[in-house]
Amino acid sequence: MEFKKLTDSITISVIGLGTWTIGGGDEADTTYDKEDISAIKTAIKLGITHIDIAESYAEGHTEELVGRAIGGFDRKSLFITSKVSPEHLSCDDLLASAKGSLRRLNTDYIDLYLIHAPNPDIPIQETMKAMDSLVEQKLIRCMGVSNFSVEQIKEAQKYTKNKIVANQIEYNLLVRDKGRVTENMESKIIPYCQENNILIIAWRPLAKGELAKPGLRILDELVKKYNRTQSQIAINWLISKRGIVTITKSTKLEHLKENLGAIGWKLQQEDIERLNNEFITSS
C-alpha cells in the first residue's frame, strides 16, 4: 500500500474502503451481514486499512458491521474515518453522535472525524467547539469536513483550535468542477486545499462504474499502453495528484484486487496531462 501525509505524525493510505450501501442504504438491512463482514476483513488483509463510514449509513448498521469486522485486527494498524450527519451539528448532538459511532464501532477513538455536509441552520462555531472537545478528550485523532466549499472551510477553521486536515468531495475523471453536491472542485477547492495542506479524499472515483468499463476513448487507449484496466487508470490518475487520496466501494474480492492494481506504478506525466486537459469522450 502507498500512503500520503495527513498531519506531521499521521499518514493515510491512498486507497480506502468506502462503505456506503454495506449493511443497507438509508435503512439498515441485515440480509448480507455475514458476507459484508467477510468483505471488510478481506479488504483489510489485502492492505486496505483505511475504512470510511458515516453514522447515517444504514442508520448506523454499517458502523456496527465495521466494528464487528475489525475486532480481530490490531486497532493501531487501522485508520477509521466516520462522519457526523449535518442535522447533528449542534454541540450536544455532535458529541452524542461521536459517542454513538464509537459505541457501534466498539473502539476507543476515531482516526478522522468529518462533518458530512455543512448546515447553514446551525452556527459553525458551535459545531467546531464540539469538534475541539472531541480532540481534547482523545475521542478523535483529527478533524475534517466533507462537501465543503473554500469559503465554508475558511469559516470553520476560524472557530477551531485544531487544524482541519481533510475535505472529502466527489471528484473523478468525469466529475471535475461540478458534482452532485459540490462545485469548483478543480478551479477552487483542490488548489486551496493543496496550498493549505488539507488532504482531498475523493469519493465516487469511478463515477458509479462509468470509469470501470470500456467506451471512453482516452482511457481505452491508455489501457492498451499500460496493460491496466480502466479502473486502475482512473484511480492512478487521482492518486498521482498532490494531496489527493480516494475511497472505493467494493465487496467483491476481484474488484478489491483490481483497485489495488492502481498502485505500485505511475502514469507518465504526458498521459496525466492528457487526462487533465482532454475532454473525456466515448470511443
Protein backbone atom coordinates (compact mmCIF):
# COMPACT_ATOMS: atom_id res chain seq x y z
CA MET A 1 0.00 0.00 0.00
CA GLU A 2 1.08 3.58 -0.59
CA PHE A 3 0.47 6.38 1.90
CA LYS A 4 0.21 10.16 1.95
CA LYS A 5 0.74 12.63 4.75
CA LEU A 6 -2.36 13.71 6.66
CA THR A 7 -0.59 15.50 9.53
CA ASP A 8 3.02 15.73 10.67
CA SER A 9 2.59 12.44 12.53
CA ILE A 10 -0.24 10.66 10.67
CA THR A 11 -0.32 9.09 7.21
CA ILE A 12 -3.28 7.64 5.33
CA SER A 13 -3.42 5.00 2.60
CA VAL A 14 -4.05 6.33 -0.90
CA ILE A 15 -6.90 3.84 -1.40
CA GLY A 16 -9.52 3.38 1.28
CA LEU A 17 -12.62 1.24 1.55
CA GLY A 18 -15.88 3.09 1.02
CA THR A 19 -18.83 1.50 2.80
CA TRP A 20 -21.97 3.22 1.50
CA THR A 21 -24.67 0.52 0.95
CA ILE A 22 -22.79 -2.02 3.10
CA GLY A 23 -25.41 -3.06 5.66
CA GLY A 24 -28.15 -1.22 3.82
CA GLY A 25 -28.67 2.21 2.28
CA ASP A 26 -30.82 4.79 4.01
CA GLU A 27 -32.18 1.97 6.20
CA ALA A 28 -30.47 -0.97 7.89
CA ASP A 29 -30.57 -4.31 6.11
CA THR A 30 -29.09 -7.32 7.90
CA THR A 31 -29.57 -9.74 5.00
CA TYR A 32 -25.91 -9.85 3.99
CA ASP A 33 -24.21 -9.16 7.32
CA LYS A 34 -22.02 -12.26 7.20
CA GLU A 35 -20.86 -11.53 3.66
CA ASP A 36 -20.29 -7.84 4.41
CA ILE A 37 -18.17 -8.56 7.49
CA SER A 38 -16.14 -11.06 5.47
CA ALA A 39 -15.60 -8.49 2.71
CA ILE A 40 -14.35 -5.86 5.16
CA LYS A 41 -11.96 -8.36 6.71
CA THR A 42 -10.71 -9.37 3.26
CA ALA A 43 -10.06 -5.74 2.33
CA ILE A 44 -8.01 -5.22 5.49
CA LYS A 45 -6.00 -8.39 4.86
CA LEU A 46 -5.26 -7.11 1.35
CA GLY A 47 -3.83 -3.92 2.85
CA ILE A 48 -6.82 -1.56 2.61
CA THR A 49 -6.58 -0.37 6.20
CA HIS A 50 -8.42 2.93 5.75
CA ILE A 51 -12.17 2.36 6.19
CA ASP A 52 -14.61 5.20 5.53
CA ILE A 53 -18.06 5.17 7.14
CA ALA A 54 -20.72 7.55 8.43
CA GLU A 55 -23.30 7.46 11.19
CA SER A 56 -26.04 7.83 8.57
CA TYR A 57 -25.05 4.77 6.56
CA ALA A 58 -27.74 2.14 7.07
CA GLU A 59 -28.90 4.00 10.20
CA GLY A 60 -25.63 3.16 11.96
CA HIS A 61 -25.63 -0.51 10.97
CA THR A 62 -22.60 0.00 8.70
CA GLU A 63 -20.60 1.16 11.70
CA GLU A 64 -21.77 -1.91 13.62
CA LEU A 65 -20.56 -4.19 10.83
CA VAL A 66 -17.20 -2.45 10.65
CA GLY A 67 -16.91 -2.74 14.43
CA ARG A 68 -17.50 -6.48 14.21
CA ALA A 69 -15.10 -6.87 11.28
CA ILE A 70 -12.13 -5.05 12.85
CA GLY A 71 -12.34 -6.87 16.17
CA GLY A 72 -9.56 -9.33 15.35
CA PHE A 73 -7.11 -6.76 13.98
CA ASP A 74 -4.56 -4.51 15.68
CA ARG A 75 -6.51 -1.25 16.05
CA LYS A 76 -3.35 0.84 15.63
CA SER A 77 -2.83 -0.63 12.16
CA LEU A 78 -6.24 0.64 11.02
CA PHE A 79 -7.41 4.10 10.03
CA ILE A 80 -11.12 4.66 10.67
CA THR A 81 -12.96 7.66 9.27
CA SER A 82 -16.54 8.41 10.26
CA LYS A 83 -18.84 11.33 9.60
CA VAL A 84 -21.40 13.21 11.66
CA SER A 85 -24.69 13.99 9.88
CA PRO A 86 -25.48 17.66 9.11
CA GLU A 87 -28.59 17.58 11.29
CA HIS A 88 -26.42 16.71 14.31
CA LEU A 89 -24.05 19.68 14.24
CA SER A 90 -25.19 21.41 17.43
CA CYS A 91 -22.68 20.93 20.23
CA ASP A 92 -24.62 18.39 22.30
CA ASP A 93 -25.89 16.48 19.27
CA LEU A 94 -22.43 16.22 17.73
CA LEU A 95 -20.88 14.91 20.94
CA ALA A 96 -23.68 12.35 21.24
CA SER A 97 -23.21 11.33 17.59
CA ALA A 98 -19.48 10.76 18.04
CA LYS A 99 -20.03 8.66 21.15
CA GLY A 100 -22.70 6.68 19.32
CA SER A 101 -20.28 5.96 16.48
CA LEU A 102 -17.59 4.89 18.95
CA ARG A 103 -20.04 2.54 20.62
CA ARG A 104 -21.16 0.96 17.35
CA LEU A 105 -17.55 0.65 16.15
CA ASN A 106 -16.52 -0.81 19.50
CA THR A 107 -13.40 1.36 19.56
CA ASP A 108 -11.96 3.98 21.88
CA TYR A 109 -11.20 6.52 19.16
CA ILE A 110 -11.89 7.54 15.57
CA ASP A 111 -8.85 8.49 13.50
CA LEU A 112 -10.57 11.11 11.35
CA TYR A 113 -13.99 12.59 12.11
CA LEU A 114 -15.69 14.58 9.36
CA ILE A 115 -18.65 16.92 9.19
CA HIS A 116 -20.61 15.08 6.50
CA ALA A 117 -22.00 18.26 4.95
CA PRO A 118 -22.43 21.89 6.01
CA ASN A 119 -25.64 23.01 7.69
CA PRO A 120 -26.31 26.76 7.46
CA ASP A 121 -29.04 26.49 10.12
CA ILE A 122 -26.56 25.58 12.88
CA PRO A 123 -23.78 28.06 13.81
CA ILE A 124 -20.45 26.65 12.69
CA GLN A 125 -18.72 27.97 15.82
CA GLU A 126 -20.92 25.67 17.91
CA THR A 127 -20.02 22.73 15.70
CA MET A 128 -16.28 23.40 15.85
CA LYS A 129 -16.40 23.83 19.63
CA ALA A 130 -17.72 20.28 19.83
CA MET A 131 -15.08 19.02 17.41
CA ASP A 132 -12.36 20.61 19.55
CA SER A 133 -13.82 18.90 22.60
CA LEU A 134 -13.59 15.51 20.89
CA VAL A 135 -9.90 16.11 20.12
CA GLU A 136 -9.22 17.22 23.70
CA GLN A 137 -10.93 14.08 25.04
CA LYS A 138 -8.86 11.99 22.58
CA LEU A 139 -12.04 10.51 21.15
CA ILE A 140 -10.86 11.57 17.69
CA ARG A 141 -7.30 11.99 16.45
CA CYS A 142 -8.06 14.68 13.89
CA MET A 143 -10.94 16.52 12.26
CA GLY A 144 -12.08 17.36 8.78
CA VAL A 145 -15.04 18.25 6.61
CA SER A 146 -16.91 16.80 3.65
CA ASN A 147 -18.56 18.56 0.72
CA PHE A 148 -17.34 21.97 1.91
CA SER A 149 -16.54 24.93 -0.34
CA VAL A 150 -13.41 27.03 0.19
CA GLU A 151 -15.46 29.71 1.95
CA GLN A 152 -17.02 27.13 4.27
CA ILE A 153 -13.62 25.64 5.12
CA LYS A 154 -12.23 29.08 5.95
CA GLU A 155 -15.23 29.89 8.13
CA ALA A 156 -15.00 26.60 10.02
CA GLN A 157 -11.25 26.97 10.56
CA LYS A 158 -11.78 30.36 12.24
CA TYR A 159 -13.60 28.66 15.11
CA THR A 160 -11.33 25.73 15.93
CA LYS A 161 -8.04 25.46 17.77
CA ASN A 162 -7.22 22.36 15.72
CA LYS A 163 -6.41 22.17 12.03
CA ILE A 164 -8.97 20.94 9.53
CA VAL A 165 -6.87 18.26 7.84
CA ALA A 166 -9.19 16.86 5.14
CA ASN A 167 -12.08 17.68 2.84
CA GLN A 168 -13.93 14.75 1.28
CA ILE A 169 -15.51 15.64 -2.07
CA GLU A 170 -16.85 13.98 -5.20
CA TYR A 171 -14.07 14.02 -7.79
CA ASN A 172 -13.10 11.82 -10.71
CA LEU A 173 -12.20 11.95 -14.40
CA LEU A 174 -15.82 12.63 -15.37
CA VAL A 175 -16.78 14.89 -12.44
CA ARG A 176 -14.22 17.68 -12.46
CA ASP A 177 -15.60 21.08 -11.46
CA LYS A 178 -19.27 20.43 -10.75
CA GLY A 179 -20.53 17.43 -8.80
CA ARG A 180 -23.74 16.28 -7.24
CA VAL A 181 -23.27 18.40 -4.10
CA THR A 182 -20.14 20.50 -4.70
CA GLU A 183 -18.76 22.66 -7.47
CA ASN A 184 -15.48 24.45 -8.25
CA MET A 185 -13.51 21.35 -7.25
CA GLU A 186 -10.68 21.82 -9.75
CA SER A 187 -10.90 25.60 -10.03
CA LYS A 188 -11.05 26.45 -6.31
CA ILE A 189 -11.36 23.66 -3.72
CA ILE A 190 -8.45 21.42 -4.71
CA PRO A 191 -5.93 24.26 -5.26
CA TYR A 192 -6.87 25.83 -1.92
CA CYS A 193 -6.57 22.53 -0.08
CA GLN A 194 -3.23 21.74 -1.71
CA GLU A 195 -1.88 25.16 -0.74
CA ASN A 196 -3.05 24.73 2.86
CA ASN A 197 -2.10 21.08 3.45
CA ILE A 198 -5.70 19.90 3.59
CA LEU A 199 -5.95 16.39 2.17
CA ILE A 200 -8.59 15.78 -0.50
CA ILE A 201 -10.40 12.44 -0.12
CA ALA A 202 -12.14 11.78 -3.44
CA TRP A 203 -15.38 9.84 -3.23
CA ARG A 204 -17.02 8.08 -6.18
CA PRO A 205 -13.66 7.80 -8.03
CA LEU A 206 -15.11 5.55 -10.73
CA ALA A 207 -18.24 7.64 -11.37
CA LYS A 208 -20.62 4.87 -10.33
CA GLY A 209 -18.88 2.41 -12.65
CA GLU A 210 -18.72 4.62 -15.75
CA LEU A 211 -14.91 4.69 -15.46
CA ALA A 212 -14.68 0.94 -14.90
CA LYS A 213 -15.74 -0.20 -18.34
CA PRO A 214 -14.67 0.24 -21.98
CA GLY A 215 -16.09 3.07 -24.06
CA LEU A 216 -14.13 6.18 -23.09
CA ARG A 217 -11.58 6.84 -25.82
CA ILE A 218 -8.59 8.13 -23.83
CA LEU A 219 -9.00 5.52 -21.12
CA ASP A 220 -9.23 2.72 -23.67
CA GLU A 221 -6.03 3.92 -25.33
CA LEU A 222 -4.19 4.02 -22.00
CA VAL A 223 -5.49 0.57 -21.05
CA LYS A 224 -3.60 -0.79 -24.05
CA LYS A 225 -0.49 1.29 -23.39
CA TYR A 226 -0.11 0.33 -19.73
CA ASN A 227 -1.77 -3.08 -19.81
CA ARG A 228 -4.04 -1.95 -16.97
CA THR A 229 -7.81 -1.78 -16.57
CA GLN A 230 -9.97 1.32 -16.95
CA SER A 231 -10.49 1.39 -13.17
CA GLN A 232 -6.77 1.24 -12.49
CA ILE A 233 -6.04 4.10 -14.90
CA ALA A 234 -8.80 6.26 -13.38
CA ILE A 235 -7.67 5.65 -9.79
CA ASN A 236 -3.98 6.11 -10.62
CA TRP A 237 -4.79 9.47 -12.20
CA LEU A 238 -6.46 10.57 -8.95
CA ILE A 239 -3.70 9.45 -6.59
CA SER A 240 -1.00 10.85 -8.88
CA LYS A 241 -2.14 14.30 -7.78
CA ARG A 242 -0.57 16.06 -4.82
CA GLY A 243 -2.63 15.78 -1.65
CA ILE A 244 -5.36 13.52 -3.07
CA VAL A 245 -6.38 10.03 -1.92
CA THR A 246 -9.56 8.12 -2.68
CA ILE A 247 -12.12 5.68 -1.30
CA THR A 248 -13.62 2.94 -3.43
CA LYS A 249 -16.64 0.84 -2.52
CA SER A 250 -16.40 -2.86 -3.31
CA THR A 251 -17.25 -6.09 -1.55
CA LYS A 252 -16.05 -8.46 -4.28
CA LEU A 253 -12.54 -9.92 -4.00
CA GLU A 254 -11.76 -9.45 -7.69
CA HIS A 255 -12.72 -5.77 -7.53
CA LEU A 256 -10.71 -5.18 -4.36
CA LYS A 257 -7.66 -6.70 -6.03
CA GLU A 258 -8.28 -4.75 -9.21
CA ASN A 259 -8.44 -1.47 -7.29
CA LEU A 260 -5.17 -2.27 -5.56
CA GLY A 261 -3.66 -2.74 -9.01
CA ALA A 262 -3.86 1.04 -9.33
CA ILE A 263 -0.82 1.42 -7.05
CA GLY A 264 2.81 0.43 -7.46
CA TRP A 265 3.23 2.17 -10.83
CA LYS A 266 2.76 5.64 -12.27
CA LEU A 267 1.17 7.19 -15.32
CA GLN A 268 3.66 9.13 -17.40
CA GLN A 269 3.35 12.89 -16.99
CA GLU A 270 2.29 13.32 -20.61
CA ASP A 271 -0.63 10.96 -20.04
CA ILE A 272 -1.60 12.69 -16.80
CA GLU A 273 -1.70 15.96 -18.75
CA ARG A 274 -3.86 14.37 -21.45
CA LEU A 275 -6.32 13.17 -18.83
CA ASN A 276 -6.20 16.57 -17.14
CA ASN A 277 -6.89 18.55 -20.28
CA GLU A 278 -8.75 16.46 -22.84
CA PHE A 279 -12.48 16.12 -22.72
CA ILE A 280 -13.32 12.50 -21.90
CA THR A 281 -15.41 11.15 -24.76
CA SER A 282 -16.83 7.82 -25.82
CA SER A 283 -14.87 5.70 -28.29
